[in-house]
Structure formats: structure tokens, C-alpha cells
Amino acid sequence: MRKIITQILFFSFVFMGIFAFTRFLMLVNLTSESQNSFMVYMYGLAHDMRTFSSAFLPLFLCGFLTYFAFIFKNKKIKFMGGGNY
């Protein structure tokens, strides 16, 4: 499960890097204003971060909750009887 969590974080950073690079290229090539381009760039990055957090947060939360699965595992065995007894 740690591999899955690291993959989610890794792909989030990779996608953020790709989107930041393409946003930079679009600002340089499509807009001639240099006065507000930094703020447009920062607002775009904030929008990308909100998009990724809404997309990957459920997966990240499920991966994080599996660390606490051992708490429920013992209770289930005691409740169910545990096998051939």
C-alpha cells in the first residue's frame, strides 16, 4: 500500500510539473502582458492543485486508512469465530 501512496504522490507532482510548464509556455506565447502574468500563473497553479486534490484525495485517503486495518482485523476474527474451532 505504501507503493500506491507513493505512486499517487509521484504522479500528482509529475502532472503538476507538466501543467506548470505548459501554463508557462502559454503565458509566454499567447499573452503580451508581462504585468499580470505572474498572478495569472499562480492562480492557474492553485486551480490545478484544487483539481488534483479533488481527484486524488479519495485514493490517498483509502491508502492512508489501510494503515489502520490491523485494528479491525483482530476484532473481526474474534467476532466471527476464527475458523475450525
C-alpha atoms as a PDB file:
ATOM      1  CA  MET A   1       0.000   0.000   0.000  1.00  0.00           C
ATOM      2  CA  ARG A   2       2.949   2.301   0.518  1.00  0.00           C
ATOM      3  CA  LYS A   3       3.813   1.888  -3.149  1.00  0.00           C
ATOM      4  CA  ILE A   4       0.327   3.002  -4.136  1.00  0.00           C
ATOM      5  CA  ILE A   5       0.515   6.084  -1.940  1.00  0.00           C
ATOM      6  CA  THR A   6       3.945   6.992  -3.306  1.00  0.00           C
ATOM      7  CA  GLN A   7       2.672   6.476  -6.852  1.00  0.00           C
ATOM      8  CA  ILE A   8      -0.272   8.796  -6.213  1.00  0.00           C
ATOM      9  CA  LEU A   9       2.038  11.464  -4.814  1.00  0.00           C
ATOM     10  CA  PHE A  10       4.590  10.961  -7.599  1.00  0.00           C
ATOM     11  CA  PHE A  11       2.013  11.253 -10.381  1.00  0.00           C
ATOM     12  CA  SER A  12       0.498  14.303  -8.709  1.00  0.00           C
ATOM     13  CA  PHE A  13       3.870  16.036  -8.761  1.00  0.00           C
ATOM     14  CA  VAL A  14       4.543  14.909 -12.339  1.00  0.00           C
ATOM     15  CA  PHE A  15       1.187  16.240 -13.530  1.00  0.00           C
ATOM     16  CA  MET A  16       1.690  19.477 -11.616  1.00  0.00           C
ATOM     17  CA  GLY A  17       5.073  19.891 -13.286  1.00  0.00           C
ATOM     18  CA  ILE A  18       3.648  19.236 -16.739  1.00  0.00           C
ATOM     19  CA  PHE A  19       0.758  21.633 -16.200  1.00  0.00           C
ATOM     20  CA  ALA A  20       3.064  24.301 -14.766  1.00  0.00           C
ATOM     21  CA  PHE A  21       5.365  24.008 -17.783  1.00  0.00           C
ATOM     22  CA  THR A  22       2.516  24.203 -20.301  1.00  0.00           C
ATOM     23  CA  ARG A  23       0.944  27.116 -18.413  1.00  0.00           C
ATOM     24  CA  PHE A  24       4.288  28.921 -18.576  1.00  0.00           C
ATOM     25  CA  LEU A  25       4.557  28.288 -22.322  1.00  0.00           C
ATOM     26  CA  MET A  26       1.009  29.523 -22.879  1.00  0.00           C
ATOM     27  CA  LEU A  27       1.655  32.697 -20.900  1.00  0.00           C
ATOM     28  CA  VAL A  28       4.839  33.426 -22.810  1.00  0.00           C
ATOM     29  CA  ASN A  29       3.429  32.719 -26.262  1.00  0.00           C
ATOM     30  CA  LEU A  30      -0.202  33.822 -26.021  1.00  0.00           C
ATOM     31  CA  THR A  31      -0.152  36.915 -23.821  1.00  0.00           C
ATOM     32  CA  SER A  32       1.862  40.019 -24.372  1.00  0.00           C
ATOM     33  CA  GLU A  33       1.174  41.419 -20.895  1.00  0.00           C
ATOM     34  CA  SER A  34       4.070  40.981 -18.550  1.00  0.00           C
ATOM     35  CA  GLN A  35       2.475  42.981 -15.767  1.00  0.00           C
ATOM     36  CA  ASN A  36      -0.126  40.460 -14.544  1.00  0.00           C
ATOM     37  CA  SER A  37       1.323  37.273 -15.960  1.00  0.00           C
ATOM     38  CA  PHE A  38       2.830  36.124 -12.655  1.00  0.00           C
ATOM     39  CA  MET A  39      -0.517  36.336 -10.870  1.00  0.00           C
ATOM     40  CA  VAL A  40      -2.261  34.529 -13.723  1.00  0.00           C
ATOM     41  CA  TYR A  41       0.398  31.824 -13.461  1.00  0.00           C
ATOM     42  CA  MET A  42      -0.087  31.492  -9.679  1.00  0.00           C
ATOM     43  CA  TYR A  43      -3.896  31.394  -9.935  1.00  0.00           C
ATOM     44  CA  GLY A  44      -3.598  28.683 -12.567  1.00  0.00           C
ATOM     45  CA  LEU A  45      -1.339  26.614 -10.331  1.00  0.00           C
ATOM     46  CA  ALA A  46      -3.814  26.976  -7.471  1.00  0.00           C
ATOM     47  CA  HIS A  47      -6.594  25.792  -9.768  1.00  0.00           C
ATOM     48  CA  ASP A  48      -4.516  22.777 -10.815  1.00  0.00           C
ATOM     49  CA  MET A  49      -3.818  21.923  -7.172  1.00  0.00           C
ATOM     50  CA  ARG A  50      -7.544  22.012  -6.371  1.00  0.00           C
ATOM     51  CA  THR A  51      -8.247  19.746  -9.336  1.00  0.00           C
ATOM     52  CA  PHE A  52      -5.638  17.200  -8.270  1.00  0.00           C
ATOM     53  CA  SER A  53      -6.666  17.259  -4.651  1.00  0.00           C
ATOM     54  CA  SER A  54     -10.280  16.547  -5.562  1.00  0.00           C
ATOM     55  CA  ALA A  55      -9.197  13.762  -7.925  1.00  0.00           C
ATOM     56  CA  PHE A  56      -6.561  12.033  -5.808  1.00  0.00           C
ATOM     57  CA  LEU A  57      -7.765  12.722  -2.267  1.00  0.00           C
ATOM     58  CA  PRO A  58     -10.183   9.750  -2.117  1.00  0.00           C
ATOM     59  CA  LEU A  59      -7.448   7.386  -3.295  1.00  0.00           C
ATOM     60  CA  PHE A  60      -4.943   8.883  -0.889  1.00  0.00           C
ATOM     61  CA  LEU A  61      -7.426   8.639   1.975  1.00  0.00           C
ATOM     62  CA  CYS A  62      -8.182   4.973   1.231  1.00  0.00           C
ATOM     63  CA  GLY A  63      -4.479   4.216   1.115  1.00  0.00           C
ATOM     64  CA  PHE A  64      -3.914   6.023   4.390  1.00  0.00           C
ATOM     65  CA  LEU A  65      -6.775   4.189   6.101  1.00  0.00           C
ATOM     66  CA  THR A  66      -5.279   0.815   5.198  1.00  0.00           C
ATOM     67  CA  TYR A  67      -2.522   1.533   7.694  1.00  0.00           C
ATOM     68  CA  PHE A  68      -5.150   1.170  10.411  1.00  0.00           C
ATOM     69  CA  ALA A  69      -6.697  -2.051   9.051  1.00  0.00           C
ATOM     70  CA  PHE A  70      -4.980  -4.132  11.731  1.00  0.00           C
ATOM     71  CA  ILE A  71      -7.321  -2.630  14.349  1.00  0.00           C
ATOM     72  CA  PHE A  72     -10.377  -4.105  12.653  1.00  0.00           C
ATOM     73  CA  LYS A  73      -8.681  -7.357  11.665  1.00  0.00           C
ATOM     74  CA  ASN A  74      -8.384  -8.763  15.192  1.00  0.00           C
ATOM     75  CA  LYS A  75     -11.917  -7.770  16.139  1.00  0.00           C
ATOM     76  CA  LYS A  76     -13.330  -9.482  13.069  1.00  0.00           C
ATOM     77  CA  ILE A  77     -11.565 -12.739  13.896  1.00  0.00           C
ATOM     78  CA  LYS A  78     -12.878 -12.711  17.467  1.00  0.00           C
ATOM     79  CA  PHE A  79     -16.377 -11.853  16.300  1.00  0.00           C
ATOM     80  CA  MET A  80     -16.549 -14.426  13.501  1.00  0.00           C
ATOM     81  CA  GLY A  81     -15.065 -17.309  15.471  1.00  0.00           C
ATOM     82  CA  GLY A  82     -11.771 -17.604  13.629  1.00  0.00           C
ATOM     83  CA  GLY A  83     -12.073 -20.861  11.655  1.00  0.00           C
ATOM     84  CA  ASN A  84     -12.078 -24.573  12.636  1.00  0.00           C
ATOM     85  CA  TYR A  85     -12.564 -24.376  16.380  1.00  0.00           C
END
